[in-house]
């Protein structure tokens, strides 16, 4: 994941998409003053689609965590609605009693949103 990380707004990589917030008068303003200068454990990561695909592949092939920890991470720990569950930092949607439809993660800040599913 060479093109993803926590970058300061004054040193963003080339081609980084910028976020904007709509204003009551219908115009737009940058979200730079609505976010920390540099992200951290509570959010603010910049990530590419290619790097997310690498992350999912490595996770599902036990290259990040061994099989027992990966299974613990991807296990349901609490139910949030009829088919929706939460694991350890990951949302889980079940198709049937035993079948997983998808795993997904998401994040939101003013002017930006992120959702990735496997």
PDB file of N, CA and C in Angstrom:
ATOM      1  N   UNK A   1       0.838  -1.180   0.000  1.00  0.00           N
ATOM      2  CA  UNK A   1       0.000   0.000   0.000  1.00  0.00           C
ATOM      3  C   UNK A   1       0.880   1.239   0.000  1.00  0.00           C
ATOM      4  N   UNK A   2       1.585   1.437  -1.085  1.00  0.00           N
ATOM      5  CA  UNK A   2       2.563   2.518  -1.176  1.00  0.00           C
ATOM      6  C   UNK A   2       1.943   3.886  -1.441  1.00  0.00           C
ATOM      7  N   UNK A   3       0.694   3.921  -1.887  1.00  0.00           N
ATOM      8  CA  UNK A   3       0.074   5.201  -2.236  1.00  0.00           C
ATOM      9  C   UNK A   3      -0.996   5.627  -1.245  1.00  0.00           C
ATOM     10  N   UNK A   4      -1.013   5.032  -0.085  1.00  0.00           N
ATOM     11  CA  UNK A   4      -1.999   5.348   0.935  1.00  0.00           C
ATOM     12  C   UNK A   4      -1.288   5.697   2.230  1.00  0.00           C
ATOM     13  N   UNK A   5      -1.978   6.440   3.084  1.00  0.00           N
ATOM     14  CA  UNK A   5      -1.377   6.774   4.363  1.00  0.00           C
ATOM     15  C   UNK A   5      -2.029   7.989   5.002  1.00  0.00           C
ATOM     16  N   UNK A   6      -1.376   8.498   6.024  1.00  0.00           N
ATOM     17  CA  UNK A   6      -1.810   9.705   6.716  1.00  0.00           C
ATOM     18  C   UNK A   6      -0.887  10.833   6.276  1.00  0.00           C
ATOM     19  N   UNK A   7      -1.404  11.717   5.455  1.00  0.00           N
ATOM     20  CA  UNK A   7      -0.597  12.784   4.880  1.00  0.00           C
ATOM     21  C   UNK A   7      -1.061  14.126   5.417  1.00  0.00           C
ATOM     22  N   UNK A   8      -0.130  15.037   5.602  1.00  0.00           N
ATOM     23  CA  UNK A   8      -0.466  16.406   5.978  1.00  0.00           C
ATOM     24  C   UNK A   8      -1.049  17.124   4.768  1.00  0.00           C
ATOM     25  N   UNK A   9      -1.983  18.038   5.023  1.00  0.00           N
ATOM     26  CA  UNK A   9      -2.600  18.774   3.919  1.00  0.00           C
ATOM     27  C   UNK A   9      -1.583  19.574   3.117  1.00  0.00           C
ATOM     28  N   UNK A  10      -0.466  19.951   3.722  1.00  0.00           N
ATOM     29  CA  UNK A  10       0.525  20.726   2.984  1.00  0.00           C
ATOM     30  C   UNK A  10       1.527  19.852   2.233  1.00  0.00           C
ATOM     31  N   UNK A  11       1.331  18.525   2.259  1.00  0.00           N
ATOM     32  CA  UNK A  11       2.224  17.641   1.491  1.00  0.00           C
ATOM     33  C   UNK A  11       1.462  16.422   0.970  1.00  0.00           C
ATOM     34  N   UNK A  12       0.327  16.668   0.345  1.00  0.00           N
ATOM     35  CA  UNK A  12      -0.472  15.578  -0.229  1.00  0.00           C
ATOM     36  C   UNK A  12       0.199  15.035  -1.483  1.00  0.00           C
ATOM     37  N   UNK A  13       0.063  13.737  -1.730  1.00  0.00           N
ATOM     38  CA  UNK A  13       0.616  13.161  -2.962  1.00  0.00           C
ATOM     39  C   UNK A  13      -0.081  13.745  -4.195  1.00  0.00           C
ATOM     40  N   UNK A  14       0.580  13.670  -5.351  1.00  0.00           N
ATOM     41  CA  UNK A  14      -0.057  14.145  -6.588  1.00  0.00           C
ATOM     42  C   UNK A  14      -1.383  13.407  -6.835  1.00  0.00           C
ATOM     43  N   UNK A  15      -2.303  14.073  -7.475  1.00  0.00           N
ATOM     44  CA  UNK A  15      -3.601  13.513  -7.876  1.00  0.00           C
ATOM     45  C   UNK A  15      -4.529  13.176  -6.710  1.00  0.00           C
ATOM     46  N   UNK A  16      -4.273  13.712  -5.522  1.00  0.00           N
ATOM     47  CA  UNK A  16      -5.157  13.480  -4.385  1.00  0.00           C
ATOM     48  C   UNK A  16      -6.462  14.240  -4.593  1.00  0.00           C
ATOM     49  N   UNK A  17      -7.580  13.550  -4.435  1.00  0.00           N
ATOM     50  CA  UNK A  17      -8.882  14.207  -4.526  1.00  0.00           C
ATOM     51  C   UNK A  17      -9.093  15.051  -3.269  1.00  0.00           C
ATOM     52  N   UNK A  18      -9.628  16.235  -3.458  1.00  0.00           N
ATOM     53  CA  UNK A  18      -9.899  17.127  -2.343  1.00  0.00           C
ATOM     54  C   UNK A  18     -11.381  17.107  -2.017  1.00  0.00           C
ATOM     55  N   UNK A  19     -11.710  17.330  -0.751  1.00  0.00           N
ATOM     56  CA  UNK A  19     -13.096  17.330  -0.329  1.00  0.00           C
ATOM     57  C   UNK A  19     -13.656  18.742  -0.246  1.00  0.00           C
ATOM     58  N   UNK A  20     -14.953  18.853  -0.485  1.00  0.00           N
ATOM     59  CA  UNK A  20     -15.628  20.149  -0.408  1.00  0.00           C
ATOM     60  C   UNK A  20     -16.930  19.994   0.351  1.00  0.00           C
ATOM     61  N   UNK A  21     -17.341  21.071   0.990  1.00  0.00           N
ATOM     62  CA  UNK A  21     -18.568  21.110   1.777  1.00  0.00           C
ATOM     63  C   UNK A  21     -19.506  22.113   1.127  1.00  0.00           C
ATOM     64  N   UNK A  22     -20.775  21.722   0.957  1.00  0.00           N
ATOM     65  CA  UNK A  22     -21.719  22.679   0.393  1.00  0.00           C
ATOM     66  C   UNK A  22     -22.155  23.677   1.464  1.00  0.00           C
ATOM     67  N   UNK A  23     -22.327  24.895   1.052  1.00  0.00           N
ATOM     68  CA  UNK A  23     -22.706  25.975   1.956  1.00  0.00           C
ATOM     69  C   UNK A  23     -24.188  26.281   1.782  1.00  0.00           C
ATOM     70  N   UNK A  24     -24.796  26.904   2.774  1.00  0.00           N
ATOM     71  CA  UNK A  24     -26.231  27.216   2.683  1.00  0.00           C
ATOM     72  C   UNK A  24     -26.617  28.050   1.454  1.00  0.00           C
ATOM     73  N   UNK A  25     -25.681  28.863   0.952  1.00  0.00           N
ATOM     74  CA  UNK A  25     -26.007  29.691  -0.216  1.00  0.00           C
ATOM     75  C   UNK A  25     -25.832  28.944  -1.537  1.00  0.00           C
ATOM     76  N   UNK A  26     -25.510  27.652  -1.479  1.00  0.00           N
ATOM     77  CA  UNK A  26     -25.358  26.834  -2.686  1.00  0.00           C
ATOM     78  C   UNK A  26     -23.944  26.778  -3.225  1.00  0.00           C
ATOM     79  N   UNK A  27     -23.027  27.541  -2.664  1.00  0.00           N
ATOM     80  CA  UNK A  27     -21.627  27.490  -3.102  1.00  0.00           C
ATOM     81  C   UNK A  27     -20.900  26.382  -2.332  1.00  0.00           C
ATOM     82  N   UNK A  28     -19.649  26.199  -2.677  1.00  0.00           N
ATOM     83  CA  UNK A  28     -18.834  25.156  -2.053  1.00  0.00           C
ATOM     84  C   UNK A  28     -17.610  25.777  -1.406  1.00  0.00           C
ATOM     85  N   UNK A  29     -17.123  25.133  -0.337  1.00  0.00           N
ATOM     86  CA  UNK A  29     -15.865  25.558   0.271  1.00  0.00           C
ATOM     87  C   UNK A  29     -15.038  24.315   0.566  1.00  0.00           C
ATOM     88  N   UNK A  30     -13.729  24.484   0.607  1.00  0.00           N
ATOM     89  CA  UNK A  30     -12.843  23.362   0.895  1.00  0.00           C
ATOM     90  C   UNK A  30     -13.103  22.823   2.302  1.00  0.00           C
ATOM     91  N   UNK A  31     -12.834  21.560   2.499  1.00  0.00           N
ATOM     92  CA  UNK A  31     -13.012  20.957   3.831  1.00  0.00           C
ATOM     93  C   UNK A  31     -11.728  21.021   4.658  1.00  0.00           C
ATOM     94  N   UNK A  32     -10.684  21.683   4.170  1.00  0.00           N
ATOM     95  CA  UNK A  32      -9.392  21.722   4.865  1.00  0.00           C
ATOM     96  C   UNK A  32      -9.497  22.183   6.310  1.00  0.00           C
ATOM     97  N   UNK A  33     -10.376  23.116   6.597  1.00  0.00           N
ATOM     98  CA  UNK A  33     -10.480  23.644   7.952  1.00  0.00           C
ATOM     99  C   UNK A  33     -11.456  22.851   8.816  1.00  0.00           C
ATOM    100  N   UNK A  34     -12.022  21.782   8.266  1.00  0.00           N
ATOM    101  CA  UNK A  34     -12.949  20.928   9.013  1.00  0.00           C
ATOM    102  C   UNK A  34     -12.302  19.630   9.461  1.00  0.00           C
ATOM    103  N   UNK A  35     -11.057  19.415   9.089  1.00  0.00           N
ATOM    104  CA  UNK A  35     -10.354  18.158   9.360  1.00  0.00           C
ATOM    105  C   UNK A  35      -9.028  18.445  10.065  1.00  0.00           C
ATOM    106  N   UNK A  36      -8.487  17.449  10.766  1.00  0.00           N
ATOM    107  CA  UNK A  36      -7.156  17.644  11.345  1.00  0.00           C
ATOM    108  C   UNK A  36      -6.116  17.840  10.235  1.00  0.00           C
ATOM    109  N   UNK A  37      -5.032  18.517  10.551  1.00  0.00           N
ATOM    110  CA  UNK A  37      -3.964  18.752   9.576  1.00  0.00           C
ATOM    111  C   UNK A  37      -3.407  17.424   9.067  1.00  0.00           C
ATOM    112  N   UNK A  38      -3.357  16.444   9.944  1.00  0.00           N
ATOM    113  CA  UNK A  38      -2.892  15.103   9.564  1.00  0.00           C
ATOM    114  C   UNK A  38      -3.763  14.094  10.302  1.00  0.00           C
ATOM    115  N   UNK A  39      -4.263  13.085   9.590  1.00  0.00           N
ATOM    116  CA  UNK A  39      -5.126  12.076  10.186  1.00  0.00           C
ATOM    117  C   UNK A  39      -4.398  11.182  11.173  1.00  0.00           C
ATOM    118  N   UNK A  40      -5.175  10.371  11.867  1.00  0.00           N
ATOM    119  CA  UNK A  40      -4.625   9.441  12.846  1.00  0.00           C
ATOM    120  C   UNK A  40      -5.549   8.262  13.051  1.00  0.00           C
ATOM    121  N   UNK A  41      -5.500   7.662  14.211  1.00  0.00           N
ATOM    122  CA  UNK A  41      -6.254   6.430  14.456  1.00  0.00           C
ATOM    123  C   UNK A  41      -7.768   6.625  14.380  1.00  0.00           C
ATOM    124  N   UNK A  42      -8.247   7.838  14.529  1.00  0.00           N
ATOM    125  CA  UNK A  42      -9.685   8.087  14.448  1.00  0.00           C
ATOM    126  C   UNK A  42     -10.145   8.455  13.044  1.00  0.00           C
ATOM    127  N   UNK A  43      -9.259   8.454  12.073  1.00  0.00           N
ATOM    128  CA  UNK A  43      -9.644   8.736  10.696  1.00  0.00           C
ATOM    129  C   UNK A  43      -8.660   9.651  10.012  1.00  0.00           C
ATOM    130  N   UNK A  44      -9.013  10.037   8.799  1.00  0.00           N
ATOM    131  CA  UNK A  44      -8.171  10.952   8.041  1.00  0.00           C
ATOM    132  C   UNK A  44      -7.169  10.278   7.137  1.00  0.00           C
ATOM    133  N   UNK A  45      -7.353   8.991   6.865  1.00  0.00           N
ATOM    134  CA  UNK A  45      -6.440   8.290   5.959  1.00  0.00           C
ATOM    135  C   UNK A  45      -6.776   8.632   4.515  1.00  0.00           C
ATOM    136  N   UNK A  46      -5.772   8.679   3.686  1.00  0.00           N
ATOM    137  CA  UNK A  46      -5.939   8.783   2.242  1.00  0.00           C
ATOM    138  C   UNK A  46      -5.605   7.407   1.679  1.00  0.00           C
ATOM    139  N   UNK A  47      -6.458   6.891   0.796  1.00  0.00           N
ATOM    140  CA  UNK A  47      -6.256   5.543   0.276  1.00  0.00           C
ATOM    141  C   UNK A  47      -6.693   5.483  -1.180  1.00  0.00           C
ATOM    142  N   UNK A  48      -5.996   4.675  -1.962  1.00  0.00           N
ATOM    143  CA  UNK A  48      -6.375   4.462  -3.360  1.00  0.00           C
ATOM    144  C   UNK A  48      -7.181   3.175  -3.478  1.00  0.00           C
ATOM    145  N   UNK A  49      -7.952   3.067  -4.549  1.00  0.00           N
ATOM    146  CA  UNK A  49      -8.733   1.850  -4.796  1.00  0.00           C
ATOM    147  C   UNK A  49      -7.808   0.636  -4.966  1.00  0.00           C
ATOM    148  N   UNK A  50      -6.706   0.833  -5.652  1.00  0.00           N
ATOM    149  CA  UNK A  50      -5.750  -0.267  -5.858  1.00  0.00           C
ATOM    150  C   UNK A  50      -5.179  -0.754  -4.527  1.00  0.00           C
ATOM    151  N   UNK A  51      -4.846   0.175  -3.642  1.00  0.00           N
ATOM    152  CA  UNK A  51      -4.314  -0.218  -2.338  1.00  0.00           C
ATOM    153  C   UNK A  51      -5.376  -0.927  -1.496  1.00  0.00           C
ATOM    154  N   UNK A  52      -6.632  -0.504  -1.584  1.00  0.00           N
ATOM    155  CA  UNK A  52      -7.695  -1.194  -0.836  1.00  0.00           C
ATOM    156  C   UNK A  52      -7.866  -2.623  -1.339  1.00  0.00           C
ATOM    157  N   UNK A  53      -7.776  -2.819  -2.646  1.00  0.00           N
ATOM    158  CA  UNK A  53      -7.865  -4.176  -3.191  1.00  0.00           C
ATOM    159  C   UNK A  53      -6.723  -5.037  -2.648  1.00  0.00           C
ATOM    160  N   UNK A  54      -5.531  -4.463  -2.548  1.00  0.00           N
ATOM    161  CA  UNK A  54      -4.385  -5.191  -1.970  1.00  0.00           C
ATOM    162  C   UNK A  54      -4.646  -5.543  -0.506  1.00  0.00           C
ATOM    163  N   UNK A  55      -5.234  -4.588   0.237  1.00  0.00           N
ATOM    164  CA  UNK A  55      -5.523  -4.838   1.652  1.00  0.00           C
ATOM    165  C   UNK A  55      -6.504  -5.988   1.821  1.00  0.00           C
ATOM    166  N   UNK A  56      -7.621  -5.958   1.083  1.00  0.00           N
ATOM    167  CA  UNK A  56      -8.605  -7.043   1.189  1.00  0.00           C
ATOM    168  C   UNK A  56      -7.975  -8.393   0.821  1.00  0.00           C
ATOM    169  N   UNK A  57      -7.200  -8.416  -0.252  1.00  0.00           N
ATOM    170  CA  UNK A  57      -6.559  -9.669  -0.688  1.00  0.00           C
ATOM    171  C   UNK A  57      -5.615 -10.201   0.388  1.00  0.00           C
ATOM    172  N   UNK A  58      -4.797  -9.329   0.956  1.00  0.00           N
ATOM    173  CA  UNK A  58      -3.852  -9.752   1.994  1.00  0.00           C
ATOM    174  C   UNK A  58      -4.596 -10.224   3.246  1.00  0.00           C
ATOM    175  N   UNK A  59      -5.657  -9.525   3.619  1.00  0.00           N
ATOM    176  CA  UNK A  59      -6.433  -9.929   4.792  1.00  0.00           C
ATOM    177  C   UNK A  59      -7.063 -11.300   4.582  1.00  0.00           C
ATOM    178  N   UNK A  60      -7.701 -11.494   3.459  1.00  0.00           N
ATOM    179  CA  UNK A  60      -8.424 -12.747   3.203  1.00  0.00           C
ATOM    180  C   UNK A  60      -7.486 -13.928   2.957  1.00  0.00           C
ATOM    181  N   UNK A  61      -6.237 -13.659   2.642  1.00  0.00           N
ATOM    182  CA  UNK A  61      -5.260 -14.728   2.427  1.00  0.00           C
ATOM    183  C   UNK A  61      -4.308 -14.882   3.604  1.00  0.00           C
ATOM    184  N   UNK A  62      -4.692 -14.330   4.758  1.00  0.00           N
ATOM    185  CA  UNK A  62      -3.958 -14.481   6.021  1.00  0.00           C
ATOM    186  C   UNK A  62      -2.522 -13.962   5.945  1.00  0.00           C
ATOM    187  N   UNK A  63      -2.318 -12.929   5.135  1.00  0.00           N
ATOM    188  CA  UNK A  63      -0.991 -12.330   5.026  1.00  0.00           C
ATOM    189  C   UNK A  63      -0.803 -11.186   6.020  1.00  0.00           C
ATOM    190  N   UNK A  64      -1.896 -10.660   6.575  1.00  0.00           N
ATOM    191  CA  UNK A  64      -1.808  -9.605   7.581  1.00  0.00           C
ATOM    192  C   UNK A  64      -1.871 -10.185   8.983  1.00  0.00           C
ATOM    193  N   UNK A  65      -2.794 -11.104   9.173  1.00  0.00           N
ATOM    194  CA  UNK A  65      -3.001 -11.784  10.454  1.00  0.00           C
ATOM    195  C   UNK A  65      -3.049 -13.272  10.191  1.00  0.00           C
ATOM    196  N   UNK A  66      -2.722 -14.077  11.196  1.00  0.00           N
ATOM    197  CA  UNK A  66      -2.852 -15.517  10.980  1.00  0.00           C
ATOM    198  C   UNK A  66      -4.343 -15.867  10.894  1.00  0.00           C
ATOM    199  N   UNK A  67      -4.633 -17.103  10.540  1.00  0.00           N
ATOM    200  CA  UNK A  67      -6.010 -17.516  10.276  1.00  0.00           C
ATOM    201  C   UNK A  67      -6.919 -17.338  11.490  1.00  0.00           C
ATOM    202  N   UNK A  68      -6.439 -17.653  12.685  1.00  0.00           N
ATOM    203  CA  UNK A  68      -7.305 -17.549  13.863  1.00  0.00           C
ATOM    204  C   UNK A  68      -7.668 -16.094  14.163  1.00  0.00           C
ATOM    205  N   UNK A  69      -6.709 -15.162  14.042  1.00  0.00           N
ATOM    206  CA  UNK A  69      -7.013 -13.757  14.283  1.00  0.00           C
ATOM    207  C   UNK A  69      -7.872 -13.163  13.167  1.00  0.00           C
ATOM    208  N   UNK A  70      -7.636 -13.590  11.929  1.00  0.00           N
ATOM    209  CA  UNK A  70      -8.475 -13.132  10.829  1.00  0.00           C
ATOM    210  C   UNK A  70      -9.912 -13.585  11.049  1.00  0.00           C
ATOM    211  N   UNK A  71     -10.102 -14.836  11.435  1.00  0.00           N
ATOM    212  CA  UNK A  71     -11.453 -15.340  11.693  1.00  0.00           C
ATOM    213  C   UNK A  71     -12.111 -14.599  12.856  1.00  0.00           C
ATOM    214  N   UNK A  72     -11.346 -14.251  13.874  1.00  0.00           N
ATOM    215  CA  UNK A  72     -11.891 -13.481  14.996  1.00  0.00           C
ATOM    216  C   UNK A  72     -12.315 -12.089  14.533  1.00  0.00           C
ATOM    217  N   UNK A  73     -11.476 -11.458  13.723  1.00  0.00           N
ATOM    218  CA  UNK A  73     -11.785 -10.138  13.183  1.00  0.00           C
ATOM    219  C   UNK A  73     -13.062 -10.169  12.348  1.00  0.00           C
ATOM    220  N   UNK A  74     -13.236 -11.222  11.558  1.00  0.00           N
ATOM    221  CA  UNK A  74     -14.363 -11.323  10.628  1.00  0.00           C
ATOM    222  C   UNK A  74     -15.583 -12.021  11.223  1.00  0.00           C
ATOM    223  N   UNK A  75     -15.570 -12.289  12.507  1.00  0.00           N
ATOM    224  CA  UNK A  75     -16.718 -12.904  13.181  1.00  0.00           C
ATOM    225  C   UNK A  75     -17.664 -11.833  13.687  1.00  0.00           C
ATOM    226  N   UNK A  76     -18.950 -12.158  13.718  1.00  0.00           N
ATOM    227  CA  UNK A  76     -19.926 -11.216  14.244  1.00  0.00           C
ATOM    228  C   UNK A  76     -19.832 -11.179  15.768  1.00  0.00           C
ATOM    229  N   UNK A  77     -19.869  -9.961  16.299  1.00  0.00           N
ATOM    230  CA  UNK A  77     -19.798  -9.793  17.745  1.00  0.00           C
ATOM    231  C   UNK A  77     -21.022  -9.088  18.309  1.00  0.00           C
ATOM    232  N   UNK A  78     -21.728  -8.361  17.452  1.00  0.00           N
ATOM    233  CA  UNK A  78     -22.977  -7.738  17.873  1.00  0.00           C
ATOM    234  C   UNK A  78     -23.867  -7.547  16.650  1.00  0.00           C
ATOM    235  N   UNK A  79     -25.162  -7.643  16.850  1.00  0.00           N
ATOM    236  CA  UNK A  79     -26.114  -7.473  15.764  1.00  0.00           C
ATOM    237  C   UNK A  79     -26.660  -6.046  15.810  1.00  0.00           C
ATOM    238  N   UNK A  80     -26.699  -5.387  14.649  1.00  0.00           N
ATOM    239  CA  UNK A  80     -27.183  -4.007  14.596  1.00  0.00           C
ATOM    240  C   UNK A  80     -28.543  -3.866  13.918  1.00  0.00           C
ATOM    241  N   UNK A  81     -28.901  -4.828  13.074  1.00  0.00           N
ATOM    242  CA  UNK A  81     -30.236  -4.892  12.476  1.00  0.00           C
ATOM    243  C   UNK A  81     -30.457  -6.315  11.965  1.00  0.00           C
ATOM    244  N   UNK A  82     -31.517  -6.533  11.196  1.00  0.00           N
ATOM    245  CA  UNK A  82     -31.888  -7.902  10.805  1.00  0.00           C
ATOM    246  C   UNK A  82     -30.749  -8.687  10.151  1.00  0.00           C
ATOM    247  N   UNK A  83     -30.071  -8.081   9.197  1.00  0.00           N
ATOM    248  CA  UNK A  83     -28.978  -8.765   8.493  1.00  0.00           C
ATOM    249  C   UNK A  83     -27.614  -8.135   8.745  1.00  0.00           C
ATOM    250  N   UNK A  84     -27.557  -7.110   9.578  1.00  0.00           N
ATOM    251  CA  UNK A  84     -26.314  -6.381   9.790  1.00  0.00           C
ATOM    252  C   UNK A  84     -25.678  -6.691  11.134  1.00  0.00           C
ATOM    253  N   UNK A  85     -24.391  -6.897  11.096  1.00  0.00           N
ATOM    254  CA  UNK A  85     -23.625  -7.246  12.288  1.00  0.00           C
ATOM    255  C   UNK A  85     -22.346  -6.428  12.303  1.00  0.00           C
ATOM    256  N   UNK A  86     -21.682  -6.452  13.444  1.00  0.00           N
ATOM    257  CA  UNK A  86     -20.411  -5.756  13.575  1.00  0.00           C
ATOM    258  C   UNK A  86     -19.402  -6.715  14.172  1.00  0.00           C
ATOM    259  N   UNK A  87     -18.192  -6.714  13.598  1.00  0.00           N
ATOM    260  CA  UNK A  87     -17.101  -7.527  14.122  1.00  0.00           C
ATOM    261  C   UNK A  87     -16.154  -6.625  14.896  1.00  0.00           C
ATOM    262  N   UNK A  88     -14.881  -6.816  14.719  1.00  0.00           N
ATOM    263  CA  UNK A  88     -13.885  -5.934  15.329  1.00  0.00           C
ATOM    264  C   UNK A  88     -13.421  -4.927  14.282  1.00  0.00           C
ATOM    265  N   UNK A  89     -14.114  -3.791  14.206  1.00  0.00           N
ATOM    266  CA  UNK A  89     -13.752  -2.747  13.252  1.00  0.00           C
ATOM    267  C   UNK A  89     -14.256  -2.974  11.848  1.00  0.00           C
ATOM    268  N   UNK A  90     -15.147  -3.934  11.675  1.00  0.00           N
ATOM    269  CA  UNK A  90     -15.631  -4.260  10.333  1.00  0.00           C
ATOM    270  C   UNK A  90     -17.127  -4.573  10.402  1.00  0.00           C
ATOM    271  N   UNK A  91     -17.872  -4.064   9.440  1.00  0.00           N
ATOM    272  CA  UNK A  91     -19.303  -4.365   9.340  1.00  0.00           C
ATOM    273  C   UNK A  91     -19.476  -5.645   8.545  1.00  0.00           C
ATOM    274  N   UNK A  92     -20.480  -6.427   8.913  1.00  0.00           N
ATOM    275  CA  UNK A  92     -20.715  -7.722   8.277  1.00  0.00           C
ATOM    276  C   UNK A  92     -22.189  -7.810   7.923  1.00  0.00           C
ATOM    277  N   UNK A  93     -22.471  -8.090   6.666  1.00  0.00           N
ATOM    278  CA  UNK A  93     -23.854  -8.267   6.234  1.00  0.00           C
ATOM    279  C   UNK A  93     -24.054  -9.724   5.875  1.00  0.00           C
ATOM    280  N   UNK A  94     -25.028 -10.355   6.533  1.00  0.00           N
ATOM    281  CA  UNK A  94     -25.308 -11.759   6.275  1.00  0.00           C
ATOM    282  C   UNK A  94     -26.429 -11.894   5.261  1.00  0.00           C
ATOM    283  N   UNK A  95     -26.279 -12.870   4.394  1.00  0.00           N
ATOM    284  CA  UNK A  95     -27.289 -13.183   3.389  1.00  0.00           C
ATOM    285  C   UNK A  95     -28.264 -14.197   3.964  1.00  0.00           C
ATOM    286  N   UNK A  96     -27.744 -15.176   4.693  1.00  0.00           N
ATOM    287  CA  UNK A  96     -28.540 -16.212   5.332  1.00  0.00           C
ATOM    288  C   UNK A  96     -28.000 -16.385   6.747  1.00  0.00           C
ATOM    289  N   UNK A  97     -28.515 -17.333   7.465  1.00  0.00           N
ATOM    290  CA  UNK A  97     -28.062 -17.583   8.835  1.00  0.00           C
ATOM    291  C   UNK A  97     -26.558 -17.815   8.904  1.00  0.00           C
ATOM    292  N   UNK A  98     -26.021 -18.598   7.970  1.00  0.00           N
ATOM    293  CA  UNK A  98     -24.598 -18.919   7.999  1.00  0.00           C
ATOM    294  C   UNK A  98     -23.783 -18.246   6.897  1.00  0.00           C
ATOM    295  N   UNK A  99     -24.457 -17.641   5.916  1.00  0.00           N
ATOM    296  CA  UNK A  99     -23.729 -17.106   4.766  1.00  0.00           C
ATOM    297  C   UNK A  99     -23.459 -15.616   4.854  1.00  0.00           C
ATOM    298  N   UNK A 100     -22.221 -15.240   4.644  1.00  0.00           N
ATOM    299  CA  UNK A 100     -21.819 -13.838   4.649  1.00  0.00           C
ATOM    300  C   UNK A 100     -22.011 -13.285   3.240  1.00  0.00           C
ATOM    301  N   UNK A 101     -22.741 -12.195   3.120  1.00  0.00           N
ATOM    302  CA  UNK A 101     -22.909 -11.525   1.836  1.00  0.00           C
ATOM    303  C   UNK A 101     -21.722 -10.612   1.561  1.00  0.00           C
ATOM    304  N   UNK A 102     -21.331  -9.816   2.579  1.00  0.00           N
ATOM    305  CA  UNK A 102     -20.170  -8.944   2.389  1.00  0.00           C
ATOM    306  C   UNK A 102     -19.621  -8.476   3.727  1.00  0.00           C
ATOM    307  N   UNK A 103     -18.350  -8.132   3.675  1.00  0.00           N
ATOM    308  CA  UNK A 103     -17.674  -7.430   4.755  1.00  0.00           C
ATOM    309  C   UNK A 103     -17.465  -6.011   4.234  1.00  0.00           C
ATOM    310  N   UNK A 104     -17.616  -5.023   5.081  1.00  0.00           N
ATOM    311  CA  UNK A 104     -17.362  -3.673   4.601  1.00  0.00           C
ATOM    312  C   UNK A 104     -16.895  -2.759   5.720  1.00  0.00           C
ATOM    313  N   UNK A 105     -16.142  -1.754   5.292  1.00  0.00           N
ATOM    314  CA  UNK A 105     -15.652  -0.723   6.194  1.00  0.00           C
ATOM    315  C   UNK A 105     -16.043   0.618   5.590  1.00  0.00           C
ATOM    316  N   UNK A 106     -16.170   1.614   6.441  1.00  0.00           N
ATOM    317  CA  UNK A 106     -16.555   2.930   5.942  1.00  0.00           C
ATOM    318  C   UNK A 106     -16.029   4.007   6.866  1.00  0.00           C
ATOM    319  N   UNK A 107     -15.980   5.188   6.350  1.00  0.00           N
ATOM    320  CA  UNK A 107     -15.574   6.328   7.144  1.00  0.00           C
ATOM    321  C   UNK A 107     -16.084   7.605   6.519  1.00  0.00           C
ATOM    322  N   UNK A 108     -16.353   8.583   7.353  1.00  0.00           N
ATOM    323  CA  UNK A 108     -16.903   9.851   6.885  1.00  0.00           C
ATOM    324  C   UNK A 108     -16.271  10.998   7.645  1.00  0.00           C
ATOM    325  N   UNK A 109     -16.004  12.061   6.958  1.00  0.00           N
ATOM    326  CA  UNK A 109     -15.575  13.332   7.525  1.00  0.00           C
ATOM    327  C   UNK A 109     -16.279  14.406   6.709  1.00  0.00           C
ATOM    328  N   UNK A 110     -16.335  15.628   7.199  1.00  0.00           N
ATOM    329  CA  UNK A 110     -16.964  16.670   6.393  1.00  0.00           C
ATOM    330  C   UNK A 110     -16.342  16.772   5.013  1.00  0.00           C
ATOM    331  N   UNK A 111     -17.159  16.627   3.980  1.00  0.00           N
ATOM    332  CA  UNK A 111     -16.691  16.763   2.607  1.00  0.00           C
ATOM    333  C   UNK A 111     -16.143  15.515   1.964  1.00  0.00           C
ATOM    334  N   UNK A 112     -16.051  14.414   2.701  1.00  0.00           N
ATOM    335  CA  UNK A 112     -15.539  13.168   2.123  1.00  0.00           C
ATOM    336  C   UNK A 112     -16.277  11.970   2.737  1.00  0.00           C
ATOM    337  N   UNK A 113     -16.336  10.898   1.965  1.00  0.00           N
ATOM    338  CA  UNK A 113     -16.874   9.647   2.520  1.00  0.00           C
ATOM    339  C   UNK A 113     -16.157   8.482   1.842  1.00  0.00           C
ATOM    340  N   UNK A 114     -16.145   7.361   2.531  1.00  0.00           N
ATOM    341  CA  UNK A 114     -15.421   6.187   2.053  1.00  0.00           C
ATOM    342  C   UNK A 114     -16.217   4.939   2.408  1.00  0.00           C
ATOM    343  N   UNK A 115     -16.296   4.013   1.471  1.00  0.00           N
ATOM    344  CA  UNK A 115     -16.948   2.726   1.709  1.00  0.00           C
ATOM    345  C   UNK A 115     -16.246   1.702   0.829  1.00  0.00           C
ATOM    346  N   UNK A 116     -15.777   0.622   1.451  1.00  0.00           N
ATOM    347  CA  UNK A 116     -15.124  -0.449   0.713  1.00  0.00           C
ATOM    348  C   UNK A 116     -15.702  -1.768   1.189  1.00  0.00           C
ATOM    349  N   UNK A 117     -16.028  -2.639   0.241  1.00  0.00           N
ATOM    350  CA  UNK A 117     -16.645  -3.928   0.592  1.00  0.00           C
ATOM    351  C   UNK A 117     -15.915  -5.069  -0.107  1.00  0.00           C
ATOM    352  N   UNK A 118     -15.989  -6.226   0.528  1.00  0.00           N
ATOM    353  CA  UNK A 118     -15.416  -7.441  -0.032  1.00  0.00           C
ATOM    354  C   UNK A 118     -16.501  -8.495  -0.048  1.00  0.00           C
TER     355      UNK A 118
END
